[in-house]
Every structure is written in C-alpha cells, then in structure tokens.
Amino acid sequence: MRSCPGQLVVHRDGTVAYCTQETAGRRCAGEDHPHRGGFFACRVVDGDNCSYCAAAPEDLDVLTTTAVTVVTSTLAPVTTAPG
C-alpha cells in the first residue's frame, strides 16, 4: 500500500481537513492511506482560525422525557462440588 510523506490535518469531529502535501503543492496518496508524518488537529496547525470548527454546534433536542426505573439485583456466588 502506498503511503504519504505528509501529515494529515483533521477537524475536531475527526473529518479530514487536508494533507500538508497538498498545501505544499505536492500530491497526497489519499486520506485513506497511511501518513508517515502522522496527524494533527487543525487547531494545532492553524490555531483557532478554522472556520469549520469555529461554527457553533447545533443544540440537540432532548432524546426522551420519559422517566426511567432502574432495576438492580444481587447475584449469589455459585459453588461446584469437586469431582
């Protein structure tokens, strides 16, 4: 399998932002190939200037409002007779 000598830069949600080979004007082997330079978060490389990560996340609705009853039980140890 081909590998890329660059570093893969990823967003906070894990999606690929870019490869440093591309910003240097060279070809990347592809984001699904190993990157010998490893990977970095975009905020490490670009600071807090990433417009993709700076977008406010959407608020999620409450998944349920139904009360949940927790049921617990105690297990007794099991012994077996020798032989």
PDB file of N, CA and C in Angstrom:
ATOM      1  N   MET A   1       0.843  -1.177   0.000  1.00  0.00           N
ATOM      2  CA  MET A   1       0.000   0.000   0.000  1.00  0.00           C
ATOM      3  C   MET A   1       0.884   1.235   0.000  1.00  0.00           C
ATOM      4  N   ARG A   2       0.516   2.186  -0.835  1.00  0.00           N
ATOM      5  CA  ARG A   2       1.262   3.447  -0.862  1.00  0.00           C
ATOM      6  C   ARG A   2       1.032   4.222   0.417  1.00  0.00           C
ATOM      7  N   SER A   3       2.015   5.001   0.795  1.00  0.00           N
ATOM      8  CA  SER A   3       1.854   5.891   1.941  1.00  0.00           C
ATOM      9  C   SER A   3       2.179   7.305   1.492  1.00  0.00           C
ATOM     10  N   CYS A   4       1.822   8.251   2.326  1.00  0.00           N
ATOM     11  CA  CYS A   4       2.059   9.658   2.028  1.00  0.00           C
ATOM     12  C   CYS A   4       3.093  10.191   3.011  1.00  0.00           C
ATOM     13  N   PRO A   5       4.061  10.981   2.555  1.00  0.00           N
ATOM     14  CA  PRO A   5       5.055  11.531   3.480  1.00  0.00           C
ATOM     15  C   PRO A   5       4.525  12.695   4.316  1.00  0.00           C
ATOM     16  N   GLY A   6       3.337  13.182   4.002  1.00  0.00           N
ATOM     17  CA  GLY A   6       2.791  14.352   4.695  1.00  0.00           C
ATOM     18  C   GLY A   6       2.111  14.038   6.007  1.00  0.00           C
ATOM     19  N   GLN A   7       1.522  15.083   6.576  1.00  0.00           N
ATOM     20  CA  GLN A   7       0.754  14.971   7.816  1.00  0.00           C
ATOM     21  C   GLN A   7      -0.711  15.223   7.486  1.00  0.00           C
ATOM     22  N   LEU A   8      -1.565  14.411   8.044  1.00  0.00           N
ATOM     23  CA  LEU A   8      -2.994  14.568   7.846  1.00  0.00           C
ATOM     24  C   LEU A   8      -3.520  15.513   8.922  1.00  0.00           C
ATOM     25  N   VAL A   9      -4.234  16.539   8.515  1.00  0.00           N
ATOM     26  CA  VAL A   9      -4.796  17.515   9.446  1.00  0.00           C
ATOM     27  C   VAL A   9      -6.297  17.261   9.527  1.00  0.00           C
ATOM     28  N   VAL A  10      -6.799  17.060  10.749  1.00  0.00           N
ATOM     29  CA  VAL A  10      -8.199  16.692  10.938  1.00  0.00           C
ATOM     30  C   VAL A  10      -8.938  17.727  11.784  1.00  0.00           C
ATOM     31  N   HIS A  11     -10.250  17.814  11.539  1.00  0.00           N
ATOM     32  CA  HIS A  11     -11.104  18.708  12.319  1.00  0.00           C
ATOM     33  C   HIS A  11     -11.437  18.053  13.661  1.00  0.00           C
ATOM     34  N   ARG A  12     -12.061  18.813  14.531  1.00  0.00           N
ATOM     35  CA  ARG A  12     -12.432  18.311  15.863  1.00  0.00           C
ATOM     36  C   ARG A  12     -13.361  17.113  15.797  1.00  0.00           C
ATOM     37  N   ASP A  13     -14.184  17.036  14.754  1.00  0.00           N
ATOM     38  CA  ASP A  13     -15.111  15.910  14.643  1.00  0.00           C
ATOM     39  C   ASP A  13     -14.493  14.701  13.952  1.00  0.00           C
ATOM     40  N   GLY A  14     -13.203  14.787  13.615  1.00  0.00           N
ATOM     41  CA  GLY A  14     -12.499  13.661  13.021  1.00  0.00           C
ATOM     42  C   GLY A  14     -12.486  13.638  11.509  1.00  0.00           C
ATOM     43  N   THR A  15     -13.195  14.550  10.857  1.00  0.00           N
ATOM     44  CA  THR A  15     -13.153  14.590   9.398  1.00  0.00           C
ATOM     45  C   THR A  15     -11.840  15.212   8.937  1.00  0.00           C
ATOM     46  N   VAL A  16     -11.394  14.816   7.766  1.00  0.00           N
ATOM     47  CA  VAL A  16     -10.107  15.284   7.244  1.00  0.00           C
ATOM     48  C   VAL A  16     -10.241  16.707   6.718  1.00  0.00           C
ATOM     49  N   ALA A  17      -9.334  17.576   7.150  1.00  0.00           N
ATOM     50  CA  ALA A  17      -9.297  18.948   6.651  1.00  0.00           C
ATOM     51  C   ALA A  17      -8.437  18.995   5.384  1.00  0.00           C
ATOM     52  N   TYR A  18      -7.207  18.519   5.490  1.00  0.00           N
ATOM     53  CA  TYR A  18      -6.289  18.500   4.353  1.00  0.00           C
ATOM     54  C   TYR A  18      -5.033  17.740   4.722  1.00  0.00           C
ATOM     55  N   CYS A  19      -4.193  17.522   3.721  1.00  0.00           N
ATOM     56  CA  CYS A  19      -2.874  16.921   3.921  1.00  0.00           C
ATOM     57  C   CYS A  19      -1.834  18.009   3.663  1.00  0.00           C
ATOM     58  N   THR A  20      -0.768  18.026   4.440  1.00  0.00           N
ATOM     59  CA  THR A  20       0.262  19.057   4.266  1.00  0.00           C
ATOM     60  C   THR A  20       0.956  18.950   2.912  1.00  0.00           C
ATOM     61  N   GLN A  21       0.897  17.786   2.285  1.00  0.00           N
ATOM     62  CA  GLN A  21       1.466  17.650   0.935  1.00  0.00           C
ATOM     63  C   GLN A  21       0.705  18.539  -0.041  1.00  0.00           C
ATOM     64  N   GLU A  22      -0.609  18.603   0.108  1.00  0.00           N
ATOM     65  CA  GLU A  22      -1.437  19.411  -0.780  1.00  0.00           C
ATOM     66  C   GLU A  22      -1.132  20.891  -0.629  1.00  0.00           C
ATOM     67  N   THR A  23      -0.914  21.354   0.588  1.00  0.00           N
ATOM     68  CA  THR A  23      -0.619  22.777   0.799  1.00  0.00           C
ATOM     69  C   THR A  23       0.777  23.133   0.317  1.00  0.00           C
ATOM     70  N   ALA A  24       1.641  22.120   0.178  1.00  0.00           N
ATOM     71  CA  ALA A  24       2.994  22.351  -0.339  1.00  0.00           C
ATOM     72  C   ALA A  24       3.048  22.195  -1.859  1.00  0.00           C
ATOM     73  N   GLY A  25       1.885  21.934  -2.482  1.00  0.00           N
ATOM     74  CA  GLY A  25       1.846  21.807  -3.936  1.00  0.00           C
ATOM     75  C   GLY A  25       2.190  20.425  -4.457  1.00  0.00           C
ATOM     76  N   ARG A  26       2.233  19.440  -3.570  1.00  0.00           N
ATOM     77  CA  ARG A  26       2.529  18.061  -3.986  1.00  0.00           C
ATOM     78  C   ARG A  26       1.272  17.211  -3.854  1.00  0.00           C
ATOM     79  N   ARG A  27       1.318  16.023  -4.423  1.00  0.00           N
ATOM     80  CA  ARG A  27       0.163  15.124  -4.367  1.00  0.00           C
ATOM     81  C   ARG A  27       0.183  14.289  -3.100  1.00  0.00           C
ATOM     82  N   CYS A  28      -1.013  14.072  -2.572  1.00  0.00           N
ATOM     83  CA  CYS A  28      -1.202  13.199  -1.417  1.00  0.00           C
ATOM     84  C   CYS A  28      -1.625  11.836  -1.943  1.00  0.00           C
ATOM     85  N   ALA A  29      -1.205  10.779  -1.284  1.00  0.00           N
ATOM     86  CA  ALA A  29      -1.580   9.422  -1.698  1.00  0.00           C
ATOM     87  C   ALA A  29      -3.058   9.150  -1.464  1.00  0.00           C
ATOM     88  N   GLY A  30      -3.706   9.950  -0.635  1.00  0.00           N
ATOM     89  CA  GLY A  30      -5.129   9.780  -0.330  1.00  0.00           C
ATOM     90  C   GLY A  30      -5.332   9.687   1.165  1.00  0.00           C
ATOM     91  N   GLU A  31      -6.456  10.213   1.624  1.00  0.00           N
ATOM     92  CA  GLU A  31      -6.687  10.245   3.072  1.00  0.00           C
ATOM     93  C   GLU A  31      -6.859   8.872   3.680  1.00  0.00           C
ATOM     94  N   ASP A  32      -7.149   7.863   2.859  1.00  0.00           N
ATOM     95  CA  ASP A  32      -7.310   6.503   3.367  1.00  0.00           C
ATOM     96  C   ASP A  32      -5.998   5.733   3.393  1.00  0.00           C
ATOM     97  N   HIS A  33      -4.889   6.382   3.016  1.00  0.00           N
ATOM     98  CA  HIS A  33      -3.566   5.757   3.039  1.00  0.00           C
ATOM     99  C   HIS A  33      -2.804   6.212   4.286  1.00  0.00           C
ATOM    100  N   PRO A  34      -1.842   5.422   4.752  1.00  0.00           N
ATOM    101  CA  PRO A  34      -1.038   5.835   5.912  1.00  0.00           C
ATOM    102  C   PRO A  34      -0.281   7.130   5.617  1.00  0.00           C
ATOM    103  N   HIS A  35      -0.181   7.990   6.606  1.00  0.00           N
ATOM    104  CA  HIS A  35       0.582   9.233   6.501  1.00  0.00           C
ATOM    105  C   HIS A  35       1.782   9.129   7.436  1.00  0.00           C
ATOM    106  N   ARG A  36       2.963   9.162   6.850  1.00  0.00           N
ATOM    107  CA  ARG A  36       4.197   8.968   7.628  1.00  0.00           C
ATOM    108  C   ARG A  36       4.443  10.116   8.598  1.00  0.00           C
ATOM    109  N   GLY A  37       3.874  11.273   8.332  1.00  0.00           N
ATOM    110  CA  GLY A  37       4.023  12.409   9.235  1.00  0.00           C
ATOM    111  C   GLY A  37       3.025  12.383  10.380  1.00  0.00           C
ATOM    112  N   GLY A  38       2.144  11.399  10.373  1.00  0.00           N
ATOM    113  CA  GLY A  38       1.143  11.302  11.437  1.00  0.00           C
ATOM    114  C   GLY A  38      -0.043  12.207  11.155  1.00  0.00           C
ATOM    115  N   PHE A  39      -0.711  12.636  12.206  1.00  0.00           N
ATOM    116  CA  PHE A  39      -1.844  13.537  12.028  1.00  0.00           C
ATOM    117  C   PHE A  39      -1.878  14.557  13.154  1.00  0.00           C
ATOM    118  N   PHE A  40      -2.469  15.686  12.848  1.00  0.00           N
ATOM    119  CA  PHE A  40      -2.613  16.771  13.810  1.00  0.00           C
ATOM    120  C   PHE A  40      -4.021  17.313  13.741  1.00  0.00           C
ATOM    121  N   ALA A  41      -4.471  17.894  14.828  1.00  0.00           N
ATOM    122  CA  ALA A  41      -5.752  18.594  14.830  1.00  0.00           C
ATOM    123  C   ALA A  41      -5.558  19.933  14.146  1.00  0.00           C
ATOM    124  N   CYS A  42      -6.553  20.388  13.418  1.00  0.00           N
ATOM    125  CA  CYS A  42      -6.437  21.656  12.697  1.00  0.00           C
ATOM    126  C   CYS A  42      -6.167  22.810  13.652  1.00  0.00           C
ATOM    127  N   ARG A  43      -6.665  22.733  14.880  1.00  0.00           N
ATOM    128  CA  ARG A  43      -6.436  23.828  15.828  1.00  0.00           C
ATOM    129  C   ARG A  43      -4.975  23.911  16.258  1.00  0.00           C
ATOM    130  N   VAL A  44      -4.227  22.817  16.138  1.00  0.00           N
ATOM    131  CA  VAL A  44      -2.797  22.840  16.448  1.00  0.00           C
ATOM    132  C   VAL A  44      -2.037  23.500  15.306  1.00  0.00           C
ATOM    133  N   VAL A  45      -2.421  23.184  14.078  1.00  0.00           N
ATOM    134  CA  VAL A  45      -1.717  23.700  12.900  1.00  0.00           C
ATOM    135  C   VAL A  45      -2.142  25.128  12.576  1.00  0.00           C
ATOM    136  N   ASP A  46      -3.449  25.368  12.575  1.00  0.00           N
ATOM    137  CA  ASP A  46      -3.980  26.660  12.144  1.00  0.00           C
ATOM    138  C   ASP A  46      -4.420  27.561  13.290  1.00  0.00           C
ATOM    139  N   GLY A  47      -4.236  27.133  14.517  1.00  0.00           N
ATOM    140  CA  GLY A  47      -4.743  27.903  15.644  1.00  0.00           C
ATOM    141  C   GLY A  47      -6.256  27.788  15.694  1.00  0.00           C
ATOM    142  N   ASP A  48      -6.913  28.792  16.195  1.00  0.00           N
ATOM    143  CA  ASP A  48      -8.373  28.776  16.256  1.00  0.00           C
ATOM    144  C   ASP A  48      -8.980  29.444  15.023  1.00  0.00           C
ATOM    145  N   ASN A  49      -8.263  29.447  13.910  1.00  0.00           N
ATOM    146  CA  ASN A  49      -8.727  30.104  12.691  1.00  0.00           C
ATOM    147  C   ASN A  49      -9.505  29.184  11.766  1.00  0.00           C
ATOM    148  N   CYS A  50      -9.808  27.981  12.185  1.00  0.00           N
ATOM    149  CA  CYS A  50     -10.532  27.038  11.337  1.00  0.00           C
ATOM    150  C   CYS A  50     -12.015  27.400  11.351  1.00  0.00           C
ATOM    151  N   SER A  51     -12.533  27.839  10.208  1.00  0.00           N
ATOM    152  CA  SER A  51     -13.940  28.245  10.148  1.00  0.00           C
ATOM    153  C   SER A  51     -14.873  27.055  10.296  1.00  0.00           C
ATOM    154  N   TYR A  52     -14.417  25.865   9.885  1.00  0.00           N
ATOM    155  CA  TYR A  52     -15.233  24.652  10.013  1.00  0.00           C
ATOM    156  C   TYR A  52     -15.456  24.330  11.485  1.00  0.00           C
ATOM    157  N   CYS A  53     -14.393  24.362  12.293  1.00  0.00           N
ATOM    158  CA  CYS A  53     -14.502  24.018  13.717  1.00  0.00           C
ATOM    159  C   CYS A  53     -15.057  25.167  14.552  1.00  0.00           C
ATOM    160  N   ALA A  54     -14.960  26.405  14.062  1.00  0.00           N
ATOM    161  CA  ALA A  54     -15.432  27.557  14.815  1.00  0.00           C
ATOM    162  C   ALA A  54     -16.952  27.678  14.774  1.00  0.00           C
ATOM    163  N   ALA A  55     -17.592  26.999  13.817  1.00  0.00           N
ATOM    164  CA  ALA A  55     -19.055  27.061  13.722  1.00  0.00           C
ATOM    165  C   ALA A  55     -19.660  26.466  14.980  1.00  0.00           C
ATOM    166  N   ALA A  56     -20.645  27.129  15.524  1.00  0.00           N
ATOM    167  CA  ALA A  56     -21.289  26.647  16.760  1.00  0.00           C
ATOM    168  C   ALA A  56     -22.046  25.363  16.474  1.00  0.00           C
ATOM    169  N   PRO A  57     -21.893  24.359  17.307  1.00  0.00           N
ATOM    170  CA  PRO A  57     -22.649  23.114  17.114  1.00  0.00           C
ATOM    171  C   PRO A  57     -24.132  23.353  17.351  1.00  0.00           C
ATOM    172  N   GLU A  58     -24.953  22.588  16.658  1.00  0.00           N
ATOM    173  CA  GLU A  58     -26.388  22.705  16.836  1.00  0.00           C
ATOM    174  C   GLU A  58     -26.800  22.031  18.131  1.00  0.00           C
ATOM    175  N   ASP A  59     -27.756  22.638  18.812  1.00  0.00           N
ATOM    176  CA  ASP A  59     -28.281  22.028  20.035  1.00  0.00           C
ATOM    177  C   ASP A  59     -29.159  20.844  19.650  1.00  0.00           C
ATOM    178  N   LEU A  60     -28.995  19.762  20.368  1.00  0.00           N
ATOM    179  CA  LEU A  60     -29.803  18.583  20.122  1.00  0.00           C
ATOM    180  C   LEU A  60     -31.003  18.588  21.049  1.00  0.00           C
ATOM    181  N   ASP A  61     -32.143  18.187  20.533  1.00  0.00           N
ATOM    182  CA  ASP A  61     -33.334  18.081  21.360  1.00  0.00           C
ATOM    183  C   ASP A  61     -33.136  16.980  22.395  1.00  0.00           C
ATOM    184  N   VAL A  62     -33.861  17.082  23.476  1.00  0.00           N
ATOM    185  CA  VAL A  62     -33.816  16.044  24.494  1.00  0.00           C
ATOM    186  C   VAL A  62     -34.322  14.746  23.869  1.00  0.00           C
ATOM    187  N   LEU A  63     -33.596  13.668  24.080  1.00  0.00           N
ATOM    188  CA  LEU A  63     -33.954  12.402  23.461  1.00  0.00           C
ATOM    189  C   LEU A  63     -35.230  11.812  24.039  1.00  0.00           C
ATOM    190  N   THR A  64     -35.422  11.954  25.327  1.00  0.00           N
ATOM    191  CA  THR A  64     -36.635  11.409  25.942  1.00  0.00           C
ATOM    192  C   THR A  64     -36.970  12.212  27.192  1.00  0.00           C
ATOM    193  N   THR A  65     -38.240  12.262  27.488  1.00  0.00           N
ATOM    194  CA  THR A  65     -38.673  12.901  28.729  1.00  0.00           C
ATOM    195  C   THR A  65     -39.368  11.889  29.633  1.00  0.00           C
ATOM    196  N   THR A  66     -39.362  10.632  29.213  1.00  0.00           N
ATOM    197  CA  THR A  66     -39.991   9.576  29.983  1.00  0.00           C
ATOM    198  C   THR A  66     -39.067   9.149  31.125  1.00  0.00           C
ATOM    199  N   ALA A  67     -39.633   9.036  32.312  1.00  0.00           N
ATOM    200  CA  ALA A  67     -38.845   8.605  33.466  1.00  0.00           C
ATOM    201  C   ALA A  67     -38.398   7.153  33.281  1.00  0.00           C
ATOM    202  N   VAL A  68     -37.225   6.866  33.779  1.00  0.00           N
ATOM    203  CA  VAL A  68     -36.665   5.523  33.672  1.00  0.00           C
ATOM    204  C   VAL A  68     -36.531   4.940  35.073  1.00  0.00           C
ATOM    205  N   THR A  69     -36.949   3.690  35.238  1.00  0.00           N
ATOM    206  CA  THR A  69     -36.809   2.994  36.512  1.00  0.00           C
ATOM    207  C   THR A  69     -35.602   2.060  36.420  1.00  0.00           C
ATOM    208  N   VAL A  70     -34.697   2.208  37.351  1.00  0.00           N
ATOM    209  CA  VAL A  70     -33.501   1.378  37.372  1.00  0.00           C
ATOM    210  C   VAL A  70     -33.777   0.158  38.236  1.00  0.00           C
ATOM    211  N   VAL A  71     -33.502  -1.018  37.699  1.00  0.00           N
ATOM    212  CA  VAL A  71     -33.728  -2.270  38.425  1.00  0.00           C
ATOM    213  C   VAL A  71     -32.360  -2.871  38.722  1.00  0.00           C
ATOM    214  N   THR A  72     -32.133  -3.212  39.980  1.00  0.00           N
ATOM    215  CA  THR A  72     -30.876  -3.844  40.359  1.00  0.00           C
ATOM    216  C   THR A  72     -31.159  -5.206  40.970  1.00  0.00           C
ATOM    217  N   SER A  73     -30.178  -6.069  40.918  1.00  0.00           N
ATOM    218  CA  SER A  73     -30.321  -7.381  41.547  1.00  0.00           C
ATOM    219  C   SER A  73     -28.972  -7.791  42.111  1.00  0.00           C
ATOM    220  N   THR A  74     -29.016  -8.688  43.086  1.00  0.00           N
ATOM    221  CA  THR A  74     -27.796  -9.187  43.703  1.00  0.00           C
ATOM    222  C   THR A  74     -27.598 -10.626  43.267  1.00  0.00           C
ATOM    223  N   LEU A  75     -26.403 -10.928  42.839  1.00  0.00           N
ATOM    224  CA  LEU A  75     -26.097 -12.281  42.401  1.00  0.00           C
ATOM    225  C   LEU A  75     -25.416 -13.043  43.531  1.00  0.00           C
ATOM    226  N   ALA A  76     -25.806 -14.288  43.716  1.00  0.00           N
ATOM    227  CA  ALA A  76     -25.215 -15.132  44.755  1.00  0.00           C
ATOM    228  C   ALA A  76     -24.076 -15.931  44.119  1.00  0.00           C
ATOM    229  N   PRO A  77     -22.984 -16.134  44.854  1.00  0.00           N
ATOM    230  CA  PRO A  77     -21.884 -16.930  44.291  1.00  0.00           C
ATOM    231  C   PRO A  77     -22.314 -18.370  44.070  1.00  0.00           C
ATOM    232  N   VAL A  78     -21.794 -18.972  43.035  1.00  0.00           N
ATOM    233  CA  VAL A  78     -22.103 -20.352  42.701  1.00  0.00           C
ATOM    234  C   VAL A  78     -20.895 -21.213  43.068  1.00  0.00           C
ATOM    235  N   THR A  79     -21.162 -22.287  43.788  1.00  0.00           N
ATOM    236  CA  THR A  79     -20.077 -23.215  44.124  1.00  0.00           C
ATOM    237  C   THR A  79     -20.363 -24.552  43.458  1.00  0.00           C
ATOM    238  N   THR A  80     -19.318 -25.207  43.061  1.00  0.00           N
ATOM    239  CA  THR A  80     -19.484 -26.532  42.459  1.00  0.00           C
ATOM    240  C   THR A  80     -18.764 -27.546  43.324  1.00  0.00           C
ATOM    241  N   ALA A  81     -19.337 -28.716  43.394  1.00  0.00           N
ATOM    242  CA  ALA A  81     -18.722 -29.793  44.180  1.00  0.00           C
ATOM    243  C   ALA A  81     -17.514 -30.332  43.415  1.00  0.00           C
ATOM    244  N   PRO A  82     -16.449 -30.699  44.126  1.00  0.00           N
ATOM    245  CA  PRO A  82     -15.277 -31.256  43.448  1.00  0.00           C
ATOM    246  C   PRO A  82     -15.626 -32.607  42.822  1.00  0.00           C
ATOM    247  N   GLY A  83     -14.991 -32.865  41.671  1.00  0.00           N
ATOM    248  CA  GLY A  83     -15.084 -34.177  41.059  1.00  0.00           C
ATOM    249  C   GLY A  83     -16.210 -34.316  40.170  1.00  0.00           C
TER     250      GLY A  83
END
